[in-house]
N, C-alpha and C. Protein backbone atom coordinates (compact mmCIF):
# COMPACT_ATOMS: atom_id res chain seq x y z
N MET A 1 -16.76 65.85 125.75
CA MET A 1 -15.97 65.96 124.89
C MET A 1 -15.60 67.62 125.10
N PHE A 2 -14.37 68.33 124.89
CA PHE A 2 -14.43 69.41 125.07
C PHE A 2 -14.45 69.88 123.58
N ASP A 3 -15.36 70.46 123.01
CA ASP A 3 -14.84 70.70 121.56
C ASP A 3 -14.48 72.25 120.91
N ILE A 4 -12.84 71.92 120.43
CA ILE A 4 -11.92 73.28 120.39
C ILE A 4 -12.90 73.76 119.20
N THR A 5 -13.04 72.90 117.99
CA THR A 5 -13.37 73.16 117.05
C THR A 5 -14.88 74.69 116.96
N ILE A 6 -15.10 74.49 118.17
CA ILE A 6 -16.77 75.60 118.76
C ILE A 6 -15.76 76.54 118.63
N ILE A 7 -14.94 76.65 119.43
CA ILE A 7 -13.79 77.84 120.00
C ILE A 7 -13.42 78.44 118.00
N THR A 8 -12.64 77.90 117.78
CA THR A 8 -11.97 78.33 116.21
C THR A 8 -12.40 78.73 115.23
N GLN A 9 -14.21 78.22 115.41
CA GLN A 9 -14.83 78.83 114.70
C GLN A 9 -15.33 79.99 114.84
N TYR A 10 -15.47 80.20 115.77
CA TYR A 10 -16.53 81.52 116.51
C TYR A 10 -15.66 82.49 117.15
N TYR A 11 -14.40 82.16 116.83
CA TYR A 11 -13.73 83.59 118.02
C TYR A 11 -14.07 84.32 117.28
N PRO A 12 -14.52 85.27 115.64
CA PRO A 12 -14.20 86.48 115.58
C PRO A 12 -15.39 87.19 116.39
N LEU A 13 -16.71 85.98 116.13
CA LEU A 13 -17.72 86.82 117.39
C LEU A 13 -17.51 86.84 118.90
N PHE A 14 -16.51 86.19 119.73
CA PHE A 14 -16.38 85.97 120.62
C PHE A 14 -15.47 87.71 120.64
N LEU A 15 -14.79 87.68 119.63
CA LEU A 15 -13.61 88.84 119.55
C LEU A 15 -14.42 90.14 119.58
N LYS A 16 -15.19 90.29 119.19
CA LYS A 16 -16.48 91.47 119.04
C LYS A 16 -16.91 91.95 119.91
N GLY A 17 -17.71 90.70 120.24
CA GLY A 17 -18.81 90.90 121.90
C GLY A 17 -17.12 90.91 123.13
N LEU A 18 -16.15 90.77 123.12
CA LEU A 18 -14.99 90.78 124.01
C LEU A 18 -14.94 92.73 124.07
N LEU A 19 -15.03 93.31 122.59
CA LEU A 19 -14.36 94.00 122.38
C LEU A 19 -15.46 95.41 122.73
N ASN A 20 -16.87 95.08 122.26
CA ASN A 20 -17.37 95.56 122.97
C ASN A 20 -18.17 96.09 124.43
N THR A 21 -17.78 94.92 124.91
CA THR A 21 -17.86 94.88 126.67
C THR A 21 -17.06 95.44 127.22
N VAL A 22 -15.49 95.40 126.67
CA VAL A 22 -14.06 96.32 126.99
C VAL A 22 -15.02 97.75 126.93
N LEU A 23 -15.47 98.28 125.69
CA LEU A 23 -15.97 100.03 125.21
C LEU A 23 -16.61 100.64 126.04
N ILE A 24 -17.76 99.38 126.08
CA ILE A 24 -19.30 99.71 126.92
C ILE A 24 -19.09 99.90 128.36
N CYS A 25 -17.73 99.04 129.18
CA CYS A 25 -17.39 98.74 130.71
C CYS A 25 -16.89 100.14 130.43
N ALA A 26 -16.13 100.67 129.55
CA ALA A 26 -14.77 101.51 130.26
C ALA A 26 -16.11 103.06 129.86
N ALA A 27 -16.64 103.04 128.77
CA ALA A 27 -17.49 104.21 128.73
C ALA A 27 -18.60 104.37 130.07
N GLY A 28 -19.01 103.17 130.28
CA GLY A 28 -20.28 103.59 131.80
C GLY A 28 -19.44 104.08 132.72
N LEU A 29 -18.40 103.17 133.28
CA LEU A 29 -17.30 103.58 134.66
C LEU A 29 -17.16 104.71 134.27
N ALA A 30 -16.18 105.06 133.00
CA ALA A 30 -15.79 106.85 133.09
C ALA A 30 -16.92 107.48 133.66
N LEU A 31 -17.77 107.84 133.13
CA LEU A 31 -19.00 108.43 133.05
C LEU A 31 -19.33 108.60 134.47
N GLY A 32 -19.39 107.08 135.12
CA GLY A 32 -20.32 106.75 136.62
C GLY A 32 -19.38 107.60 137.83
N MET A 33 -17.78 107.53 136.79
CA MET A 33 -17.21 108.18 137.82
C MET A 33 -17.21 109.29 138.02
N ALA A 34 -17.52 109.98 136.68
CA ALA A 34 -17.47 111.71 136.50
C ALA A 34 -18.85 112.26 137.35
N TRP A 35 -19.76 111.28 136.72
CA TRP A 35 -21.02 111.74 137.67
C TRP A 35 -21.38 111.39 138.93
N GLY A 36 -19.92 110.44 139.63
CA GLY A 36 -20.64 110.21 141.05
C GLY A 36 -19.74 111.47 141.88
N LEU A 37 -18.70 111.60 140.93
CA LEU A 37 -17.69 113.58 141.72
C LEU A 37 -18.70 114.39 141.75
N ALA A 38 -19.70 114.28 140.71
CA ALA A 38 -21.23 115.60 140.85
C ALA A 38 -22.10 115.73 142.08
N LEU A 39 -22.01 114.26 141.90
CA LEU A 39 -23.37 113.83 142.85
C LEU A 39 -23.04 114.19 144.30
N TYR A 40 -21.15 113.34 144.35
CA TYR A 40 -20.57 113.87 145.76
C TYR A 40 -20.82 115.47 146.18
N SER A 41 -20.65 116.43 145.35
CA SER A 41 -20.65 117.66 145.26
C SER A 41 -21.61 118.39 145.52
N ILE A 42 -22.93 117.76 144.90
CA ILE A 42 -24.49 118.13 145.77
C ILE A 42 -24.74 117.20 146.72
N GLY A 43 -24.20 116.53 147.25
CA GLY A 43 -24.60 115.66 148.60
C GLY A 43 -23.56 116.41 149.51
N ASN A 44 -22.65 117.63 149.49
CA ASN A 44 -21.93 117.90 150.34
C ASN A 44 -21.77 119.48 150.53
N SER A 45 -23.23 119.61 149.81
CA SER A 45 -23.54 120.65 149.87
C SER A 45 -24.13 121.26 151.21
N ARG A 46 -24.08 122.79 151.70
CA ARG A 46 -25.02 123.03 153.06
C ARG A 46 -26.55 122.98 152.91
N LEU A 47 -26.73 122.89 152.01
CA LEU A 47 -28.23 123.78 151.67
C LEU A 47 -28.86 121.75 151.74
N ALA A 48 -30.44 121.96 152.67
CA ALA A 48 -31.19 120.33 153.23
C ALA A 48 -31.39 119.97 151.81
N ILE A 49 -31.98 120.70 150.33
CA ILE A 49 -32.42 120.09 149.13
C ILE A 49 -30.85 119.52 149.33
N PRO A 50 -30.32 119.91 148.33
CA PRO A 50 -30.02 119.19 147.67
C PRO A 50 -28.79 117.88 148.14
N ARG A 51 -28.54 117.83 149.26
CA ARG A 51 -28.39 116.79 150.29
C ARG A 51 -29.64 115.33 150.42
N ALA A 52 -30.89 116.63 151.19
CA ALA A 52 -31.79 114.95 150.43
C ALA A 52 -31.64 114.49 148.78
N LEU A 53 -31.78 115.31 148.11
CA LEU A 53 -31.58 114.86 146.71
C LEU A 53 -30.78 113.59 146.75
N TYR A 54 -29.61 114.01 146.93
CA TYR A 54 -28.30 113.12 146.85
C TYR A 54 -28.48 112.07 147.82
N ARG A 55 -29.31 111.91 148.44
CA ARG A 55 -29.34 110.87 149.76
C ARG A 55 -30.69 109.81 148.78
N GLY A 56 -31.46 110.92 148.06
CA GLY A 56 -32.67 109.58 147.85
C GLY A 56 -32.14 109.01 146.40
N TYR A 57 -31.02 110.02 145.30
CA TYR A 57 -30.48 109.45 143.90
C TYR A 57 -30.02 107.73 144.92
N VAL A 58 -28.67 108.11 145.54
CA VAL A 58 -28.00 106.58 146.12
C VAL A 58 -29.21 105.61 146.86
N ASN A 59 -29.72 106.03 147.51
CA ASN A 59 -30.64 105.04 147.59
C ASN A 59 -31.45 104.23 146.90
N LEU A 60 -32.03 105.33 145.67
CA LEU A 60 -32.78 104.75 144.72
C LEU A 60 -31.93 103.67 144.21
N PHE A 61 -30.88 104.23 143.46
CA PHE A 61 -29.71 103.45 142.67
C PHE A 61 -28.80 102.07 143.37
N ARG A 62 -28.83 102.53 144.42
CA ARG A 62 -28.26 101.02 145.05
C ARG A 62 -28.98 100.09 145.88
N GLY A 63 -30.50 100.82 145.87
CA GLY A 63 -31.08 100.03 146.39
C GLY A 63 -32.79 99.08 145.51
N THR A 64 -32.06 99.28 144.46
CA THR A 64 -32.68 98.18 143.31
C THR A 64 -31.76 97.92 141.98
N PRO A 65 -32.08 96.63 141.57
CA PRO A 65 -31.43 95.76 140.87
C PRO A 65 -30.86 96.70 139.66
N LEU A 66 -30.10 96.26 139.08
CA LEU A 66 -29.32 96.96 137.64
C LEU A 66 -30.32 96.45 136.66
N LEU A 67 -30.36 95.23 136.90
CA LEU A 67 -31.27 94.67 135.66
C LEU A 67 -33.26 95.46 135.81
N VAL A 68 -33.62 95.73 136.93
CA VAL A 68 -34.67 96.46 137.08
C VAL A 68 -34.67 98.24 136.21
N GLN A 69 -33.20 98.35 136.28
CA GLN A 69 -33.33 99.90 135.77
C GLN A 69 -32.90 99.72 134.82
N LEU A 70 -32.12 98.99 134.10
CA LEU A 70 -32.39 98.58 132.51
C LEU A 70 -33.04 98.40 132.27
N PHE A 71 -34.29 97.21 131.93
CA PHE A 71 -35.53 97.08 131.62
C PHE A 71 -36.47 98.76 131.50
N LEU A 72 -36.14 99.70 133.05
CA LEU A 72 -37.08 100.54 132.82
C LEU A 72 -36.84 101.45 131.87
N LEU A 73 -35.50 101.53 131.78
CA LEU A 73 -34.30 102.42 130.68
C LEU A 73 -35.12 102.49 129.32
N PHE A 74 -34.75 100.78 129.31
CA PHE A 74 -34.97 100.19 127.66
C PHE A 74 -36.32 99.80 126.74
N TYR A 75 -37.08 99.51 127.85
CA TYR A 75 -38.58 99.01 127.54
C TYR A 75 -39.68 100.04 128.01
N GLY A 76 -39.29 100.91 129.11
CA GLY A 76 -39.98 102.26 130.00
C GLY A 76 -39.51 102.94 129.17
N GLY A 77 -38.44 103.67 128.55
CA GLY A 77 -38.17 104.74 128.40
C GLY A 77 -38.92 105.24 127.24
N PRO A 78 -39.71 104.54 125.74
CA PRO A 78 -40.04 104.93 125.27
C PRO A 78 -41.07 105.63 125.19
N TYR A 79 -41.94 105.34 126.47
CA TYR A 79 -43.40 105.80 126.90
C TYR A 79 -42.92 107.40 127.50
N PHE A 80 -42.10 107.54 127.31
CA PHE A 80 -41.82 109.03 127.79
C PHE A 80 -40.76 109.39 126.69
N GLY A 81 -40.46 109.45 125.96
CA GLY A 81 -39.92 109.52 124.62
C GLY A 81 -38.29 110.13 124.94
N LEU A 82 -38.22 108.17 125.17
CA LEU A 82 -36.58 108.27 125.70
C LEU A 82 -36.17 107.01 124.84
N ASN A 83 -35.66 107.50 123.69
CA ASN A 83 -35.74 106.09 122.44
C ASN A 83 -34.30 106.10 122.48
N LEU A 84 -33.81 104.88 123.44
CA LEU A 84 -32.29 104.74 122.69
C LEU A 84 -31.92 103.89 122.81
N SER A 85 -30.95 103.39 121.81
CA SER A 85 -30.56 102.35 121.28
C SER A 85 -29.80 101.34 122.59
N ALA A 86 -29.92 100.22 121.97
CA ALA A 86 -29.30 98.98 123.43
C ALA A 86 -28.05 99.06 123.57
N ILE A 87 -26.85 99.59 123.20
CA ILE A 87 -26.01 99.71 123.09
C ILE A 87 -25.77 101.38 124.41
N ALA A 88 -26.70 102.48 123.78
CA ALA A 88 -26.96 103.80 124.81
C ALA A 88 -27.38 103.16 126.15
N THR A 89 -28.46 102.49 126.03
CA THR A 89 -29.55 102.06 127.26
C THR A 89 -28.10 101.05 127.80
N GLY A 90 -27.22 100.85 127.64
CA GLY A 90 -26.09 99.61 128.21
C GLY A 90 -25.69 100.81 128.99
N ILE A 91 -25.04 102.02 128.94
CA ILE A 91 -23.44 102.58 129.13
C ILE A 91 -24.44 103.66 129.80
N LEU A 92 -25.99 104.47 129.41
CA LEU A 92 -26.19 105.17 130.45
C LEU A 92 -26.63 104.39 131.88
N GLY A 93 -27.34 102.55 131.55
CA GLY A 93 -27.56 102.38 133.33
C GLY A 93 -26.49 101.96 134.02
N LEU A 94 -25.38 102.13 132.87
CA LEU A 94 -23.98 101.69 134.15
C LEU A 94 -23.15 102.79 134.73
N THR A 95 -23.48 104.05 134.16
CA THR A 95 -23.23 105.32 134.77
C THR A 95 -24.27 105.53 135.80
N LEU A 96 -25.58 105.67 135.77
CA LEU A 96 -26.21 105.55 137.00
C LEU A 96 -25.95 104.99 137.94
N TYR A 97 -26.04 103.49 137.69
CA TYR A 97 -25.85 102.51 138.56
C TYR A 97 -24.03 102.60 139.69
N GLY A 98 -23.53 102.96 138.71
CA GLY A 98 -22.08 103.43 139.05
C GLY A 98 -22.11 104.51 139.85
N ALA A 99 -22.71 105.11 139.35
CA ALA A 99 -22.17 106.88 140.24
C ALA A 99 -22.85 106.96 141.73
N ALA A 100 -23.57 106.29 141.50
CA ALA A 100 -24.42 106.13 143.38
C ALA A 100 -23.54 105.66 144.38
N TYR A 101 -22.71 104.13 143.64
CA TYR A 101 -21.64 104.08 144.57
C TYR A 101 -20.23 104.77 144.65
N PHE A 102 -19.92 105.39 143.49
CA PHE A 102 -18.72 105.84 143.74
C PHE A 102 -18.82 107.24 144.21
N ALA A 103 -20.24 107.68 144.24
CA ALA A 103 -20.13 109.04 145.16
C ALA A 103 -20.03 108.70 146.19
N GLU A 104 -20.68 107.50 146.90
CA GLU A 104 -20.64 107.20 148.34
C GLU A 104 -18.59 106.99 148.36
N ILE A 105 -18.17 106.27 147.47
CA ILE A 105 -16.77 106.23 148.17
C ILE A 105 -16.01 107.81 147.79
N TYR A 106 -16.14 108.29 147.02
CA TYR A 106 -15.23 109.53 147.10
C TYR A 106 -15.95 110.47 148.74
N ARG A 107 -16.70 110.41 149.12
CA ARG A 107 -17.42 110.98 150.06
C ARG A 107 -16.33 110.31 151.42
N ALA A 108 -16.96 108.85 151.04
CA ALA A 108 -15.93 108.25 152.32
C ALA A 108 -14.14 109.01 152.57
N GLY A 109 -13.81 108.83 150.44
CA GLY A 109 -12.08 108.89 150.56
C GLY A 109 -12.19 110.61 151.79
N PHE A 110 -12.78 111.53 151.22
CA PHE A 110 -13.18 112.74 151.60
C PHE A 110 -12.93 112.96 152.98
N GLN A 111 -14.15 112.29 154.15
CA GLN A 111 -13.88 112.14 155.10
C GLN A 111 -12.99 111.81 155.66
N ASN A 112 -12.13 110.57 155.19
CA ASN A 112 -11.37 110.05 156.31
C ASN A 112 -9.64 111.33 155.76
N ILE A 113 -9.84 112.15 155.31
CA ILE A 113 -8.49 112.96 155.44
C ILE A 113 -8.57 113.46 156.20
N PRO A 114 -7.71 113.57 157.67
CA PRO A 114 -7.84 114.13 158.99
C PRO A 114 -7.84 115.68 158.80
N ALA A 115 -8.61 116.20 159.52
CA ALA A 115 -8.74 117.76 159.44
C ALA A 115 -7.32 118.70 159.58
N GLY A 116 -6.45 117.88 160.53
CA GLY A 116 -5.46 118.67 161.25
C GLY A 116 -4.69 119.23 159.33
N GLN A 117 -4.86 118.54 158.48
CA GLN A 117 -3.65 118.35 157.15
C GLN A 117 -4.41 119.73 156.59
N ILE A 118 -5.84 119.80 156.72
CA ILE A 118 -6.27 121.18 155.95
C ILE A 118 -6.04 121.94 156.56
N GLU A 119 -6.16 122.51 158.39
CA GLU A 119 -6.17 123.65 158.70
C GLU A 119 -4.41 123.56 158.86
N ALA A 120 -3.53 122.96 158.59
CA ALA A 120 -1.90 123.15 158.10
C ALA A 120 -1.42 123.72 156.94
N ALA A 121 -2.50 122.97 155.92
CA ALA A 121 -2.25 123.93 154.46
C ALA A 121 -2.92 125.29 154.82
N GLN A 122 -3.86 125.44 155.07
CA GLN A 122 -4.48 126.89 155.31
C GLN A 122 -3.90 127.81 155.96
N ASP A 123 -2.84 127.37 157.09
CA ASP A 123 -1.96 128.08 158.01
C ASP A 123 -0.74 128.34 157.31
N LEU A 124 -0.60 127.62 155.89
CA LEU A 124 0.25 128.01 154.94
C LEU A 124 0.05 128.82 154.29
N GLY A 125 -0.72 129.04 153.93
CA GLY A 125 -1.11 129.99 153.17
C GLY A 125 -1.89 129.88 151.67
N MET A 126 -2.00 128.48 151.52
CA MET A 126 -2.36 127.92 150.78
C MET A 126 -4.22 128.59 150.52
N SER A 127 -4.69 128.79 149.41
CA SER A 127 -6.04 128.87 149.04
C SER A 127 -6.70 127.27 149.19
N PRO A 128 -8.11 127.56 149.13
CA PRO A 128 -8.88 126.02 149.38
C PRO A 128 -9.06 125.78 147.38
N LEU A 129 -8.69 125.93 146.52
CA LEU A 129 -8.46 125.65 145.76
C LEU A 129 -7.56 124.73 146.22
N GLN A 130 -5.73 125.42 146.07
CA GLN A 130 -4.92 124.57 146.07
C GLN A 130 -5.02 123.61 147.41
N THR A 131 -5.30 124.02 148.18
CA THR A 131 -5.75 122.54 149.28
C THR A 131 -6.51 121.38 148.77
N MET A 132 -6.95 121.64 148.02
CA MET A 132 -8.26 120.60 147.39
C MET A 132 -7.57 119.88 146.32
N LEU A 133 -6.85 120.65 145.15
CA LEU A 133 -5.60 120.36 144.37
C LEU A 133 -4.59 119.46 145.10
N HIS A 134 -3.64 120.33 146.20
CA HIS A 134 -2.28 119.32 146.42
C HIS A 134 -2.22 118.95 147.74
N VAL A 135 -3.47 118.61 148.68
CA VAL A 135 -3.64 117.86 150.15
C VAL A 135 -4.56 117.33 149.74
N GLN A 136 -6.29 117.64 149.63
CA GLN A 136 -6.97 116.88 149.96
C GLN A 136 -7.42 115.65 148.39
N ILE A 137 -7.04 116.06 147.31
CA ILE A 137 -7.27 114.90 146.01
C ILE A 137 -6.20 113.76 146.47
N PRO A 138 -5.35 114.26 146.20
CA PRO A 138 -4.08 112.88 146.45
C PRO A 138 -4.26 111.90 147.14
N GLN A 139 -4.61 112.14 148.54
CA GLN A 139 -5.10 111.80 149.79
C GLN A 139 -6.13 111.05 148.96
N MET A 140 -7.09 111.47 149.32
CA MET A 140 -8.49 111.04 148.57
C MET A 140 -8.08 109.87 147.70
N LEU A 141 -7.69 110.46 146.49
CA LEU A 141 -7.32 108.94 145.65
C LEU A 141 -6.57 107.88 145.78
N THR A 142 -5.58 107.67 147.07
CA THR A 142 -5.02 106.85 147.08
C THR A 142 -5.92 106.30 148.47
N LEU A 143 -6.27 106.85 149.09
CA LEU A 143 -7.82 106.57 149.95
C LEU A 143 -9.03 105.29 149.47
N ILE A 144 -8.91 105.65 148.44
CA ILE A 144 -10.13 104.99 147.34
C ILE A 144 -9.75 104.24 146.89
N ILE A 145 -8.62 103.96 146.54
CA ILE A 145 -8.37 102.94 145.30
C ILE A 145 -8.30 101.19 145.40
N PRO A 146 -8.60 101.08 146.51
CA PRO A 146 -9.32 99.37 146.37
C PRO A 146 -10.90 99.59 146.62
N SER A 147 -11.14 100.03 147.05
CA SER A 147 -13.16 100.67 147.05
C SER A 147 -13.16 100.49 145.47
N VAL A 148 -12.78 102.14 144.43
CA VAL A 148 -13.18 101.80 143.17
C VAL A 148 -12.65 100.45 142.47
N ILE A 149 -11.64 99.65 142.80
CA ILE A 149 -11.08 98.97 142.05
C ILE A 149 -12.02 97.43 142.04
N ASN A 150 -12.66 97.57 143.16
CA ASN A 150 -13.54 96.21 144.24
C ASN A 150 -14.80 96.64 143.17
N GLN A 151 -15.19 98.04 143.37
CA GLN A 151 -16.24 98.68 142.84
C GLN A 151 -16.42 97.98 140.92
N THR A 152 -15.27 98.73 140.88
CA THR A 152 -15.28 98.43 139.35
C THR A 152 -15.60 97.33 138.25
N ILE A 153 -14.64 96.28 139.26
CA ILE A 153 -14.68 95.30 138.67
C ILE A 153 -16.45 94.28 139.35
N LEU A 154 -16.88 94.25 140.19
CA LEU A 154 -18.17 94.07 140.03
C LEU A 154 -19.49 95.00 139.13
N ILE A 155 -18.86 96.11 138.90
CA ILE A 155 -20.04 96.79 137.59
C ILE A 155 -19.51 95.98 136.20
N ILE A 156 -18.38 95.11 136.29
CA ILE A 156 -17.85 94.48 134.95
C ILE A 156 -18.18 93.56 134.73
N LYS A 157 -18.24 92.88 136.17
CA LYS A 157 -19.19 91.32 136.16
C LYS A 157 -20.81 91.48 135.79
N GLU A 158 -21.36 92.68 136.34
CA GLU A 158 -22.63 92.90 136.33
C GLU A 158 -23.09 93.40 135.21
N SER A 159 -21.98 93.88 134.62
CA SER A 159 -22.52 94.19 132.69
C SER A 159 -22.92 92.74 131.87
N ALA A 160 -22.92 91.62 132.57
CA ALA A 160 -23.15 90.89 132.07
C ALA A 160 -24.47 90.51 131.14
N ILE A 161 -25.50 91.48 132.07
CA ILE A 161 -26.55 90.95 132.12
C ILE A 161 -27.15 91.98 131.43
N LEU A 162 -26.60 92.80 130.69
CA LEU A 162 -26.42 93.85 129.61
C LEU A 162 -27.35 93.10 128.28
N SER A 163 -26.70 91.40 128.00
CA SER A 163 -27.26 90.57 127.30
C SER A 163 -28.84 90.73 126.92
N ILE A 164 -29.29 90.83 127.82
CA ILE A 164 -30.77 90.81 128.34
C ILE A 164 -31.14 92.13 127.39
N ILE A 165 -30.84 92.82 127.25
CA ILE A 165 -31.42 94.08 126.66
C ILE A 165 -30.66 94.14 125.00
N THR A 166 -29.83 92.83 124.89
CA THR A 166 -29.90 92.98 123.54
C THR A 166 -28.81 93.41 122.80
N VAL A 167 -27.79 94.14 123.79
CA VAL A 167 -26.45 94.41 123.83
C VAL A 167 -25.27 93.09 123.80
N PRO A 168 -25.09 93.64 122.35
CA PRO A 168 -23.98 93.07 121.55
C PRO A 168 -22.24 92.74 122.07
N GLU A 169 -22.77 92.39 123.44
CA GLU A 169 -21.50 92.18 123.75
C GLU A 169 -21.10 90.76 124.40
N VAL A 170 -19.96 90.21 125.27
CA VAL A 170 -19.38 88.82 125.15
C VAL A 170 -20.25 87.62 125.41
N THR A 171 -21.56 88.46 126.60
CA THR A 171 -22.50 87.45 127.30
C THR A 171 -23.22 86.95 126.08
N THR A 172 -23.92 88.02 125.27
CA THR A 172 -24.51 87.75 124.16
C THR A 172 -24.03 86.91 123.00
N ALA A 173 -22.87 87.18 123.39
CA ALA A 173 -21.89 86.17 122.25
C ALA A 173 -22.29 84.42 122.65
N ALA A 174 -21.79 84.69 123.57
CA ALA A 174 -21.79 83.02 124.32
C ALA A 174 -23.14 82.63 124.27
N VAL A 175 -24.21 83.83 124.18
CA VAL A 175 -25.56 82.81 124.56
C VAL A 175 -25.99 82.67 123.02
N LYS A 176 -26.02 83.34 122.40
CA LYS A 176 -26.15 82.92 120.64
C LYS A 176 -24.80 81.80 120.12
N ILE A 177 -24.01 81.60 120.55
CA ILE A 177 -23.04 80.33 119.92
C ILE A 177 -23.48 79.35 120.51
N SER A 178 -24.00 79.50 122.20
CA SER A 178 -24.79 78.30 122.39
C SER A 178 -25.99 77.35 121.70
N THR A 179 -26.47 78.51 121.28
CA THR A 179 -27.83 78.52 120.98
C THR A 179 -27.65 77.76 119.90
N GLU A 180 -26.64 78.15 119.04
CA GLU A 180 -26.44 77.56 117.24
C GLU A 180 -25.68 76.20 117.55
N THR A 181 -25.33 75.98 118.42
CA THR A 181 -24.64 74.94 118.27
C THR A 181 -25.18 73.79 119.35
N PHE A 182 -25.79 74.22 120.32
CA PHE A 182 -26.29 73.31 121.31
C PHE A 182 -24.99 72.51 122.57
N SER A 183 -24.24 73.77 122.18
CA SER A 183 -22.85 73.40 123.23
C SER A 183 -23.05 73.99 124.22
N ILE A 184 -22.71 74.03 125.72
CA ILE A 184 -23.00 74.45 126.82
C ILE A 184 -21.60 74.80 127.25
N VAL A 185 -20.66 73.99 127.13
CA VAL A 185 -19.21 73.91 128.05
C VAL A 185 -18.72 75.19 127.27
N GLU A 186 -18.12 74.67 125.94
CA GLU A 186 -17.78 75.54 125.38
C GLU A 186 -18.06 77.57 125.33
N PRO A 187 -18.73 77.50 124.86
CA PRO A 187 -18.99 79.03 124.64
C PRO A 187 -18.83 79.89 126.72
N TYR A 188 -19.10 78.64 127.38
CA TYR A 188 -18.81 79.70 128.74
C TYR A 188 -17.84 79.59 129.07
N VAL A 189 -17.06 78.78 129.06
CA VAL A 189 -15.18 78.50 129.47
C VAL A 189 -14.72 79.46 128.90
N VAL A 190 -15.41 79.94 127.34
CA VAL A 190 -14.55 80.87 127.12
C VAL A 190 -14.97 82.45 127.55
N LEU A 191 -16.50 82.72 127.55
CA LEU A 191 -17.08 83.55 128.17
C LEU A 191 -16.57 83.56 129.30
N ALA A 192 -16.34 83.04 130.55
CA ALA A 192 -15.47 82.89 132.01
C ALA A 192 -14.46 83.47 131.80
N GLY A 193 -13.56 83.05 130.73
CA GLY A 193 -11.60 83.03 130.33
C GLY A 193 -11.80 84.20 130.10
N ALA A 194 -12.79 84.87 129.21
CA ALA A 194 -13.31 86.30 128.78
C ALA A 194 -12.99 87.32 130.05
N TYR A 195 -14.28 87.22 130.85
CA TYR A 195 -14.51 88.20 132.07
C TYR A 195 -13.24 88.25 133.09
N TRP A 196 -12.50 86.79 133.14
CA TRP A 196 -10.94 86.68 134.01
C TRP A 196 -10.20 87.66 133.66
N LEU A 197 -9.77 87.99 132.18
CA LEU A 197 -8.82 88.59 131.73
C LEU A 197 -9.42 89.88 131.86
N ILE A 198 -10.34 90.55 131.51
CA ILE A 198 -10.55 91.62 131.92
C ILE A 198 -10.64 92.66 134.10
N VAL A 199 -10.94 91.45 134.23
CA VAL A 199 -11.04 91.84 136.00
C VAL A 199 -9.58 91.57 136.45
N THR A 200 -8.81 90.06 135.31
CA THR A 200 -7.71 90.83 135.75
C THR A 200 -6.43 92.05 135.27
N ALA A 201 -6.69 92.70 134.41
CA ALA A 201 -6.54 93.56 134.47
C ALA A 201 -6.24 94.80 134.83
N VAL A 202 -7.96 95.04 135.14
CA VAL A 202 -7.99 96.10 136.03
C VAL A 202 -7.42 96.00 137.49
N SER A 203 -7.46 94.64 137.77
CA SER A 203 -7.05 94.44 139.23
C SER A 203 -5.11 94.60 139.29
N ARG A 204 -4.45 94.59 138.41
CA ARG A 204 -2.94 94.82 138.16
C ARG A 204 -3.33 96.51 137.80
N GLY A 205 -4.36 96.97 136.72
CA GLY A 205 -3.78 98.20 136.94
C GLY A 205 -4.34 99.08 137.81
N GLY A 206 -5.20 98.60 138.63
CA GLY A 206 -5.20 99.46 140.20
C GLY A 206 -3.93 99.06 140.72
N GLN A 207 -3.25 97.89 141.07
CA GLN A 207 -2.17 97.94 141.93
C GLN A 207 -0.64 98.89 141.15
N LEU A 208 -1.08 99.15 139.92
CA LEU A 208 -0.15 100.14 139.80
C LEU A 208 -0.21 101.29 139.88
N TRP A 209 -1.53 102.16 140.14
CA TRP A 209 -2.17 102.97 140.35
C TRP A 209 -1.87 103.50 141.78
N GLU A 210 -2.00 102.03 142.80
CA GLU A 210 -1.87 102.45 144.07
C GLU A 210 -0.29 102.54 143.86
N ARG A 211 0.65 101.92 143.54
CA ARG A 211 1.87 102.26 143.62
C ARG A 211 2.17 104.22 143.45
N ARG A 212 1.90 104.43 142.28
CA ARG A 212 2.05 105.25 141.53
C ARG A 212 1.75 106.87 142.60
N GLN A 213 0.32 106.59 143.42
CA GLN A 213 -0.13 107.25 144.56
C GLN A 213 0.60 107.14 145.19
N MET A 214 1.19 106.30 146.02
CA MET A 214 1.70 106.55 147.64
C MET A 214 3.20 107.02 146.97
N ARG A 215 3.80 106.92 145.90
CA ARG A 215 4.99 106.91 145.78
C ARG A 215 4.72 108.53 145.57
N TYR A 216 3.83 109.37 145.13
CA TYR A 216 3.42 110.80 144.94
C TYR A 216 3.41 111.67 146.40
N ILE A 217 3.17 110.53 147.16
CA ILE A 217 2.31 111.40 148.24
C ILE A 217 3.78 111.61 148.88
N SER A 218 4.53 110.44 149.12
CA SER A 218 5.91 109.98 150.05
C SER A 218 6.86 111.07 149.55
N ARG A 219 6.63 111.74 148.68
CA ARG A 219 7.74 112.66 148.15
C ARG A 219 8.11 114.08 149.18
């Protein structure tokens, strides 16, 4: 039978793990989006070498599992003088991994903006910066919303493997409770519910973001 006392007894550990999951994912995603934009700028260069570096980075981080990348950072890092805590490794891992996907999302968003709109902005006397701020970026942000939200959700769910490198997030809490109580159902039901709440909140936020962007463009 489902033992509710396990949840009531260990809920502080669950809450602490849930908070850590939210904070780590938020930091990793924010940094990943920022680094992804920088990567896009590198890949958008007219020079061959920056473009090659961009393609190499994207292919490397999208072509290898996040778990392998985390192992290399956490256990292999000290061989190269990179000594990071489990939490710092988790944030850095999510940043590097997510940036490869977000960079490609940005690239697709900018490429889908009709060239005629950029030409029209230039004909109206807008500078390249004004064109970027008032024409390209607002449309790009609207075009990429579904992809960004989808990728964000995938990364949040993949963050569960941070428990492998002892990051004290919600999955780690569930594993610890399961080990101490010899119960499987209760801890993992709560774990599933925790991720469902996070993903639902992100999905709802994406819908609000999309509505706001559509109102901005329709002005």
